[in-house]
Amino acid sequence: MRPTALYRAYVAAAALVVPFAAHARIRRLRRDGVAAYRAHEILGNTTEQRPGGLLVWFHAASVGESLSVLPLITAIGRQLPEARFLITSATPTSAAMIAARMPPRCVHQFAPLDTAGPVNRFLKRWRPDAAVFVESELWPQILVRARRRNVPLALVGARMSLRSLSRWARFPRTAAFILGQFRLILTQNAEMAKALGDLAPPHTTVETGFNLKSLSPALPVHGAAHAELADTIAERPTWVAASTHPGEEADALLAHAHVLKTHPDALLILAPRHPDRGDEVAALIENMGLSHTRRTDGHAPDAQVYLADTLGEMGLWYALAPFVFLGGSLQPHGGHNPYEVAQAGAAILTGPHLSNFAETFAPLEACGAVRIVADGQDMGERALHWFDTPQALRKAQQAAADFVAKGDTDAAHIADRLIAVLDLGP
């Protein structure tokens, strides 16, 4: 397919704004602690040498997407022991997480800006043999210029919002041109496969896959911190309200007040989605008449509520409790990642707003790992039921564990599909 007028206009506009975009991005990366030489990777300047042999490039935007591809890289690496892997992402946090957890034979770089100079330099220096993009990473020039160099491309875990799909549908020729750069598109669910299949050209294979975040490794837990906190909590009935948004903390606290009537020694670990809201949430706890201590103050969890207002410790909170209320779901935010909770061995409570992970919560609810609650009162009743009925709680925890246990099989299946479609095998 030939480039459309809209694509050519995008290329021209990108050339005009690249000096300003590059300056802004480099400044932001430097402000976030990225070394100057690494920040310039966005211009296509390499800071690592390309390894010899087969090189497979994976591109993911941020932390969740980046971590989700690591088990897939591991699965491909088992089948192709001579292969090397390049991972690109956009954020400093994702770079740090990848560096700490990436499999052997991998290297990380910041992704180039989607304009001619940076993309061409990047492709010339890395010369990938195949490329895999994750979820909604549809950077037009990166895709088109990679295909012009005969790099076979795949998109895995593909998803778009309804708004994005409607915008793409307004420009069907351009949508077909961009999606046509891929040999294979694996979507998160059947509905997305139908939507993207309608937009993609016939030569692009669109198939139903699953949410790649089901492959994400468990969140890290600092062993010493876990041992210390577990010793302090001891036998107290403990649960977690995680990734809560404004309005949801009040529901979680109302639920905890209900639990305290029967279990006066119960502990709620409250971890807001944005820890910089700590003062606001602390004031809410006080206004609702509950005692609390704060993680950022260095205090022990020896009150009714422990305000976990820190970054990077969510795995610790999940490991300390048998069940978790997962926020972003009582308010219309689309819900948050349930796999991380299930991987920690915890059962899950959630609100009804689950559009971000609809294809995941449905089977989790069906197998009994998840209970959907309507409000704080409903949440309190469910929490109390699980505390008072240990066998029901253990059954829900086991269902969650069984659900995530099939991740290795799923990763191997996708690895097989990519190796065949991208001509990576012998």
Protein backbone atom coordinates (compact mmCIF):
# COMPACT_ATOMS: atom_id res chain seq x y z
CA MET A 1 0.00 0.00 0.00
CA ARG A 2 1.13 3.51 -0.78
CA PRO A 3 1.43 6.21 1.89
CA THR A 4 -1.72 8.30 2.19
CA ALA A 5 -1.94 12.08 2.13
CA LEU A 6 -2.65 12.07 5.86
CA TYR A 7 0.51 10.04 6.56
CA ARG A 8 2.60 12.39 4.41
CA ALA A 9 1.14 15.38 6.30
CA TYR A 10 2.09 13.71 9.59
CA VAL A 11 5.66 13.19 8.37
CA ALA A 12 5.93 16.85 7.36
CA ALA A 13 4.50 18.08 10.67
CA ALA A 14 6.82 15.81 12.66
CA ALA A 15 9.84 17.25 10.84
CA LEU A 16 8.80 20.76 11.84
CA VAL A 17 8.26 20.05 15.54
CA VAL A 18 11.12 17.61 16.19
CA PRO A 19 13.62 20.24 17.45
CA PHE A 20 11.13 21.46 20.03
CA ALA A 21 9.89 17.97 20.93
CA ALA A 22 13.44 16.68 21.33
CA HIS A 23 14.44 19.59 23.57
CA ALA A 24 11.36 19.14 25.76
CA ARG A 25 11.74 15.36 26.04
CA ILE A 26 15.45 15.53 26.88
CA ARG A 27 14.83 18.17 29.53
CA ARG A 28 12.09 16.06 31.07
CA LEU A 29 14.26 12.94 31.10
CA ARG A 30 17.15 14.87 32.66
CA ARG A 31 14.82 16.32 35.29
CA ASP A 32 13.73 12.76 36.13
CA GLY A 33 17.33 11.72 36.75
CA VAL A 34 18.29 10.22 33.39
CA ALA A 35 21.93 10.80 32.43
CA ALA A 36 22.48 13.14 29.50
CA TYR A 37 24.07 10.50 27.28
CA ARG A 38 21.09 8.21 27.80
CA ALA A 39 18.51 10.95 27.27
CA HIS A 40 19.95 11.47 23.78
CA GLU A 41 18.89 7.94 22.86
CA ILE A 42 15.58 9.50 21.81
CA LEU A 43 17.50 10.98 18.85
CA GLY A 44 18.51 7.51 17.71
CA ASN A 45 21.97 7.72 19.27
CA THR A 46 22.95 4.32 20.64
CA THR A 47 24.67 3.92 23.99
CA GLU A 48 25.16 0.16 23.63
CA GLN A 49 26.73 -1.93 20.89
CA ARG A 50 24.48 -4.09 18.76
CA PRO A 51 25.17 -7.72 19.66
CA GLY A 52 25.96 -10.13 16.87
CA GLY A 53 23.46 -12.61 15.51
CA LEU A 54 19.66 -12.56 15.61
CA LEU A 55 18.24 -9.44 17.29
CA VAL A 56 14.53 -9.16 18.18
CA TRP A 57 13.27 -5.70 19.10
CA PHE A 58 10.41 -5.24 21.58
CA HIS A 59 8.82 -1.82 22.05
CA ALA A 60 6.48 -0.95 24.94
CA ALA A 61 5.43 2.44 26.23
CA SER A 62 5.57 2.41 30.02
CA VAL A 63 6.01 0.25 33.10
CA GLY A 64 3.06 -2.12 32.80
CA GLU A 65 3.57 -2.82 29.11
CA SER A 66 7.33 -3.16 29.50
CA LEU A 67 7.09 -5.68 32.31
CA SER A 68 4.42 -7.64 30.47
CA VAL A 69 6.81 -8.52 27.63
CA LEU A 70 9.60 -9.88 29.84
CA PRO A 71 8.07 -13.37 30.23
CA LEU A 72 7.42 -13.39 26.48
CA ILE A 73 11.07 -12.57 25.80
CA THR A 74 12.04 -15.34 28.21
CA ALA A 75 9.81 -17.80 26.35
CA ILE A 76 11.28 -16.86 22.97
CA GLY A 77 14.78 -17.01 24.45
CA ARG A 78 14.21 -20.60 25.58
CA GLN A 79 13.34 -21.62 22.04
CA LEU A 80 16.01 -19.46 20.37
CA PRO A 81 19.05 -19.70 22.67
CA GLU A 82 21.22 -17.69 20.26
CA ALA A 83 18.80 -14.76 20.00
CA ARG A 84 19.45 -11.35 21.53
CA PHE A 85 16.77 -8.83 22.52
CA LEU A 86 16.46 -5.05 22.43
CA ILE A 87 13.75 -3.46 24.61
CA THR A 88 12.72 0.17 24.07
CA SER A 89 10.39 2.21 26.24
CA ALA A 90 9.59 5.86 26.87
CA THR A 91 9.73 6.58 30.60
CA PRO A 92 12.52 6.64 33.19
CA THR A 93 10.47 4.45 35.52
CA SER A 94 10.06 1.79 32.86
CA ALA A 95 13.79 1.95 32.08
CA ALA A 96 14.66 1.39 35.73
CA MET A 97 12.19 -1.48 36.14
CA ILE A 98 13.41 -3.18 32.96
CA ALA A 99 17.06 -2.81 33.96
CA ALA A 100 16.35 -4.50 37.29
CA ARG A 101 14.28 -7.37 35.92
CA MET A 102 15.05 -8.05 32.26
CA PRO A 103 16.02 -11.57 31.19
CA PRO A 104 19.51 -12.54 29.98
CA ARG A 105 20.74 -11.40 26.57
CA CYS A 106 18.72 -8.17 26.72
CA VAL A 107 19.57 -4.48 26.44
CA HIS A 108 17.36 -1.43 26.98
CA GLN A 109 17.26 1.88 25.10
CA PHE A 110 14.86 4.81 25.12
CA ALA A 111 12.66 4.76 22.03
CA PRO A 112 13.47 7.22 19.23
CA LEU A 113 11.20 10.12 18.49
CA ASP A 114 8.79 9.29 15.68
CA THR A 115 10.45 11.37 13.00
CA ALA A 116 12.82 10.63 10.12
CA GLY A 117 16.26 11.39 11.56
CA PRO A 118 15.99 9.63 14.94
CA VAL A 119 14.14 6.62 13.49
CA ASN A 120 16.58 6.15 10.62
CA ARG A 121 19.60 6.42 12.93
CA PHE A 122 18.05 3.95 15.34
CA LEU A 123 17.26 1.39 12.62
CA LYS A 124 20.64 1.78 10.92
CA ARG A 125 22.55 1.20 14.15
CA TRP A 126 20.45 -1.61 15.64
CA ARG A 127 19.41 -3.45 12.43
CA PRO A 128 16.69 -5.56 14.14
CA ASP A 129 15.72 -8.82 12.48
CA ALA A 130 12.13 -8.52 13.71
CA ALA A 131 10.11 -6.16 15.90
CA VAL A 132 7.21 -6.67 18.31
CA PHE A 133 5.11 -3.72 19.48
CA VAL A 134 2.85 -3.82 22.53
CA GLU A 135 -0.79 -2.77 23.01
CA SER A 136 -1.39 0.60 21.30
CA GLU A 137 2.12 1.59 20.25
CA LEU A 138 1.32 2.69 16.69
CA TRP A 139 4.06 5.19 15.85
CA PRO A 140 3.58 5.66 12.09
CA GLN A 141 7.12 6.49 10.99
CA ILE A 142 8.75 3.86 13.17
CA LEU A 143 6.47 1.23 11.65
CA VAL A 144 6.74 2.38 8.05
CA ARG A 145 10.49 2.94 8.08
CA ALA A 146 11.10 -0.41 9.77
CA ARG A 147 9.05 -2.21 7.12
CA ARG A 148 10.96 -0.37 4.37
CA ARG A 149 14.06 -2.05 5.79
CA ASN A 150 12.29 -5.40 5.55
CA VAL A 151 11.87 -5.79 9.31
CA PRO A 152 8.84 -8.06 9.92
CA LEU A 153 6.49 -6.57 12.52
CA ALA A 154 3.90 -7.88 14.98
CA LEU A 155 1.57 -6.14 17.44
CA VAL A 156 0.69 -8.09 20.60
CA GLY A 157 -1.89 -7.36 23.29
CA ALA A 158 -3.45 -4.88 20.88
CA ARG A 159 -6.07 -2.56 22.28
CA MET A 160 -7.62 0.83 21.51
CA SER A 161 -10.20 2.91 23.29
CA LEU A 162 -13.58 3.40 21.64
CA ARG A 163 -12.61 7.01 20.99
CA SER A 164 -9.40 5.97 19.24
CA LEU A 165 -11.22 3.38 17.15
CA SER A 166 -13.78 5.96 16.04
CA ARG A 167 -10.99 8.34 15.01
CA TRP A 168 -9.23 5.60 13.02
CA ALA A 169 -12.52 4.69 11.35
CA ARG A 170 -12.82 8.25 10.00
CA PHE A 171 -9.63 7.67 7.98
CA PRO A 172 -9.93 4.06 6.75
CA ARG A 173 -7.20 4.26 4.09
CA THR A 174 -4.65 5.62 6.56
CA ALA A 175 -5.74 3.09 9.19
CA ALA A 176 -5.29 0.28 6.69
CA PHE A 177 -1.89 1.67 5.65
CA ILE A 178 -0.59 1.82 9.24
CA LEU A 179 -2.05 -1.51 10.38
CA GLY A 180 -0.87 -3.05 7.14
CA GLN A 181 2.73 -2.67 8.27
CA PHE A 182 2.14 -5.62 10.62
CA ARG A 183 2.21 -9.25 9.60
CA LEU A 184 0.32 -10.26 12.74
CA ILE A 185 -1.89 -8.45 15.25
CA LEU A 186 -2.86 -10.32 18.42
CA THR A 187 -5.59 -8.49 20.33
CA GLN A 188 -6.64 -8.60 23.98
CA ASN A 189 -10.14 -9.91 23.22
CA ALA A 190 -12.53 -10.94 20.47
CA GLU A 191 -14.25 -7.56 20.29
CA MET A 192 -10.92 -5.82 19.64
CA ALA A 193 -10.04 -8.46 17.02
CA LYS A 194 -13.28 -7.67 15.18
CA ALA A 195 -12.71 -3.90 15.37
CA LEU A 196 -9.09 -4.02 14.19
CA GLY A 197 -9.87 -6.69 11.63
CA ASP A 198 -12.37 -4.31 10.04
CA LEU A 199 -9.67 -1.62 9.79
CA ALA A 200 -6.66 -3.74 8.75
CA PRO A 201 -5.98 -4.78 5.15
CA PRO A 202 -6.45 -8.44 4.09
CA HIS A 203 -2.74 -9.27 4.15
CA THR A 204 -2.49 -8.49 7.89
CA THR A 205 -3.56 -11.39 10.12
CA VAL A 206 -5.68 -10.28 13.10
CA GLU A 207 -6.31 -12.87 15.82
CA THR A 208 -7.71 -12.92 19.34
CA GLY A 209 -5.01 -13.21 21.99
CA PHE A 210 -5.22 -12.04 25.58
CA ASN A 211 -4.09 -9.27 27.89
CA LEU A 212 -0.28 -9.44 28.06
CA LYS A 213 -0.33 -8.16 31.62
CA SER A 214 -1.35 -11.68 32.58
CA LEU A 215 2.27 -12.57 31.85
CA SER A 216 3.77 -9.83 34.02
CA PRO A 217 6.11 -11.09 36.74
CA ALA A 218 4.98 -10.64 40.33
CA LEU A 219 5.72 -7.29 41.90
CA PRO A 220 8.94 -7.25 43.93
CA VAL A 221 8.81 -7.60 47.70
CA HIS A 222 11.67 -6.46 49.93
CA GLY A 223 12.19 -9.43 52.20
CA ALA A 224 13.45 -7.55 55.26
CA ALA A 225 10.60 -5.02 55.11
CA HIS A 226 8.07 -7.82 54.72
CA ALA A 227 9.44 -9.73 57.69
CA GLU A 228 9.43 -6.63 59.90
CA LEU A 229 5.89 -5.58 58.99
CA ALA A 230 4.51 -9.12 59.17
CA ASP A 231 5.95 -9.43 62.68
CA THR A 232 4.29 -6.14 63.70
CA ILE A 233 0.92 -7.07 62.21
CA ALA A 234 1.13 -10.62 63.65
CA GLU A 235 -2.36 -12.13 63.80
CA ARG A 236 -4.36 -8.96 63.13
CA PRO A 237 -7.07 -9.37 60.44
CA THR A 238 -5.51 -7.34 57.62
CA TRP A 239 -6.68 -6.23 54.19
CA VAL A 240 -5.55 -3.74 51.56
CA ALA A 241 -7.27 -0.98 49.59
CA ALA A 242 -4.89 -0.34 46.68
CA SER A 243 -4.61 2.19 43.86
CA THR A 244 -7.57 4.16 45.19
CA HIS A 245 -8.73 7.38 43.57
CA PRO A 246 -10.51 10.39 45.14
CA GLY A 247 -13.87 9.25 46.46
CA GLU A 248 -12.81 5.64 46.87
CA GLU A 249 -10.83 6.11 50.08
CA ALA A 250 -14.05 7.13 51.83
CA ASP A 251 -15.73 3.90 50.72
CA ALA A 252 -12.76 1.81 51.87
CA LEU A 253 -12.74 3.54 55.26
CA LEU A 254 -16.48 3.06 55.62
CA ALA A 255 -15.97 -0.63 54.87
CA HIS A 256 -13.19 -0.85 57.45
CA ALA A 257 -15.33 0.82 60.09
CA HIS A 258 -17.89 -1.92 59.47
CA VAL A 259 -15.22 -4.62 59.86
CA LEU A 260 -13.97 -3.03 63.11
CA LYS A 261 -17.36 -3.56 64.76
CA THR A 262 -16.72 -7.31 64.68
CA HIS A 263 -12.92 -7.33 64.57
CA PRO A 264 -11.72 -4.34 66.62
CA ASP A 265 -8.07 -5.22 66.00
CA ALA A 266 -8.43 -5.25 62.19
CA LEU A 267 -5.95 -3.33 60.02
CA LEU A 268 -6.56 -1.61 56.69
CA ILE A 269 -3.48 -0.83 54.58
CA LEU A 270 -4.60 2.08 52.41
CA ALA A 271 -2.39 2.72 49.35
CA PRO A 272 -3.71 5.57 47.18
CA ARG A 273 -2.96 5.48 43.47
CA HIS A 274 -1.07 8.76 43.77
CA PRO A 275 0.96 8.82 47.01
CA ASP A 276 1.35 12.61 46.80
CA ARG A 277 -2.27 12.74 47.98
CA GLY A 278 -1.06 11.47 51.37
CA ASP A 279 -1.97 14.60 53.35
CA GLU A 280 -5.43 14.70 51.80
CA VAL A 281 -6.09 11.03 52.58
CA ALA A 282 -4.68 11.39 56.11
CA ALA A 283 -7.13 14.23 56.78
CA LEU A 284 -9.99 12.07 55.48
CA ILE A 285 -9.03 9.22 57.83
CA GLU A 286 -9.07 11.60 60.79
CA ASN A 287 -12.38 13.13 59.74
CA MET A 288 -13.93 9.66 59.66
CA GLY A 289 -12.80 9.06 63.23
CA LEU A 290 -10.22 6.35 62.57
CA SER A 291 -6.66 6.23 63.90
CA HIS A 292 -3.78 5.92 61.47
CA THR A 293 -0.02 5.89 61.00
CA ARG A 294 1.90 6.74 57.82
CA ARG A 295 4.57 4.84 55.97
CA THR A 296 6.36 8.06 54.99
CA ASP A 297 6.68 9.00 58.67
CA GLY A 298 8.47 5.73 59.38
CA HIS A 299 5.81 4.59 61.82
CA ALA A 300 4.74 0.99 62.36
CA PRO A 301 1.23 -0.21 61.35
CA ASP A 302 -0.07 -0.14 64.90
CA ALA A 303 -3.27 1.87 64.37
CA GLN A 304 -6.57 1.06 62.65
CA VAL A 305 -5.33 2.29 59.27
CA TYR A 306 -1.82 2.24 57.80
CA LEU A 307 -1.46 4.91 55.11
CA ALA A 308 0.94 3.44 52.55
CA ASP A 309 1.88 6.72 50.85
CA THR A 310 5.08 5.56 49.14
CA LEU A 311 6.05 4.57 45.61
CA GLY A 312 7.31 1.14 44.55
CA GLU A 313 6.03 -0.91 47.51
CA MET A 314 2.71 -2.20 46.19
CA GLY A 315 4.08 -5.74 46.02
CA LEU A 316 4.83 -5.50 49.74
CA TRP A 317 1.26 -4.51 50.60
CA TYR A 318 -0.22 -7.29 48.46
CA ALA A 319 2.03 -9.83 50.18
CA LEU A 320 0.83 -8.81 53.63
CA ALA A 321 -2.91 -9.37 53.18
CA PRO A 322 -5.17 -12.24 52.09
CA PHE A 323 -7.42 -10.00 49.99
CA VAL A 324 -7.26 -6.61 48.30
CA PHE A 325 -9.78 -4.03 47.17
CA LEU A 326 -8.46 -2.78 43.83
CA GLY A 327 -9.34 0.86 43.18
CA GLY A 328 -10.08 2.82 40.06
CA SER A 329 -13.27 0.76 39.90
CA LEU A 330 -15.87 2.41 42.15
CA GLN A 331 -15.24 5.60 40.18
CA PRO A 332 -15.25 5.46 36.35
CA HIS A 333 -11.50 5.01 35.83
CA GLY A 334 -11.68 1.59 34.17
CA GLY A 335 -10.06 -0.43 36.96
CA HIS A 336 -6.45 -1.48 37.56
CA ASN A 337 -4.34 -4.59 36.96
CA PRO A 338 -5.74 -7.62 38.85
CA TYR A 339 -2.90 -9.94 37.83
CA GLU A 340 -0.47 -8.31 40.24
CA VAL A 341 -2.86 -8.99 43.11
CA ALA A 342 -3.52 -12.58 42.07
CA GLN A 343 0.21 -13.26 41.65
CA ALA A 344 0.68 -12.30 45.29
CA GLY A 345 -1.81 -14.98 46.31
CA ALA A 346 -4.58 -12.57 47.31
CA ALA A 347 -8.27 -12.61 46.49
CA ILE A 348 -9.77 -9.48 44.95
CA LEU A 349 -12.59 -7.04 45.63
CA THR A 350 -13.38 -4.48 42.94
CA GLY A 351 -16.00 -1.99 41.89
CA PRO A 352 -18.05 -2.28 38.69
CA HIS A 353 -16.03 0.08 36.44
CA LEU A 354 -13.64 -2.40 34.77
CA SER A 355 -13.38 -1.40 31.11
CA ASN A 356 -9.54 -1.43 31.13
CA PHE A 357 -9.48 -5.13 32.07
CA ALA A 358 -12.99 -6.31 31.15
CA GLU A 359 -11.70 -9.45 29.42
CA THR A 360 -9.76 -10.33 32.59
CA PHE A 361 -12.19 -9.59 35.39
CA ALA A 362 -14.97 -11.66 33.78
CA PRO A 363 -13.12 -15.01 34.03
CA LEU A 364 -11.66 -14.03 37.40
CA GLU A 365 -15.17 -13.42 38.70
CA ALA A 366 -16.44 -16.62 37.08
CA CYS A 367 -13.81 -18.75 38.84
CA GLY A 368 -14.47 -17.07 42.21
CA ALA A 369 -11.23 -15.07 42.57
CA VAL A 370 -13.01 -11.71 42.34
CA ARG A 371 -16.07 -10.23 44.01
CA ILE A 372 -17.62 -7.07 42.59
CA VAL A 373 -18.90 -4.57 45.16
CA ALA A 374 -21.17 -1.59 44.62
CA ASP A 375 -20.07 0.79 47.36
CA GLY A 376 -18.43 1.04 50.77
CA GLN A 377 -21.21 -0.74 52.60
CA ASP A 378 -21.14 -3.63 50.14
CA MET A 379 -17.34 -3.74 50.41
CA GLY A 380 -17.54 -3.93 54.19
CA GLU A 381 -20.01 -6.82 54.07
CA ARG A 382 -17.78 -8.77 51.65
CA ALA A 383 -14.63 -8.08 53.68
CA LEU A 384 -16.36 -9.20 56.86
CA HIS A 385 -17.60 -12.37 55.13
CA TRP A 386 -14.08 -13.32 54.07
CA PHE A 387 -12.68 -12.64 57.55
CA ASP A 388 -15.44 -14.70 59.19
CA THR A 389 -15.39 -17.52 56.61
CA PRO A 390 -11.74 -18.58 56.17
CA GLN A 391 -12.60 -21.48 53.90
CA ALA A 392 -14.37 -19.15 51.45
CA LEU A 393 -11.39 -16.81 51.48
CA ARG A 394 -8.94 -19.67 50.87
CA LYS A 395 -11.09 -20.86 47.96
CA ALA A 396 -10.98 -17.39 46.39
CA GLN A 397 -7.22 -17.15 46.89
CA GLN A 398 -6.70 -20.55 45.27
CA ALA A 399 -8.87 -19.53 42.32
CA ALA A 400 -6.71 -16.45 41.81
CA ALA A 401 -3.53 -18.52 41.98
CA ASP A 402 -4.88 -21.06 39.49
CA PHE A 403 -5.86 -18.28 37.09
CA VAL A 404 -2.36 -16.80 36.87
CA ALA A 405 -0.62 -20.20 36.84
CA LYS A 406 -1.44 -20.68 33.16
CA GLY A 407 0.73 -17.67 32.23
CA ASP A 408 3.73 -19.82 31.25
CA THR A 409 1.59 -21.78 28.81
CA ASP A 410 0.19 -18.60 27.28
CA ALA A 411 3.67 -17.10 26.91
CA ALA A 412 4.94 -20.23 25.16
CA HIS A 413 1.97 -20.18 22.80
CA ILE A 414 2.59 -16.56 21.78
CA ALA A 415 6.31 -17.24 21.46
CA ASP A 416 5.58 -20.09 19.03
CA ARG A 417 3.26 -17.85 16.99
CA LEU A 418 5.75 -14.98 16.78
CA ILE A 419 8.70 -17.21 15.88
CA ALA A 420 6.71 -18.69 12.99
CA VAL A 421 5.15 -15.46 11.66
CA LEU A 422 8.30 -13.34 11.97
CA ASP A 423 10.55 -15.98 10.42
CA LEU A 424 12.73 -16.28 13.52
CA GLY A 425 13.06 -20.04 13.60
CA PRO A 426 15.67 -22.22 11.89
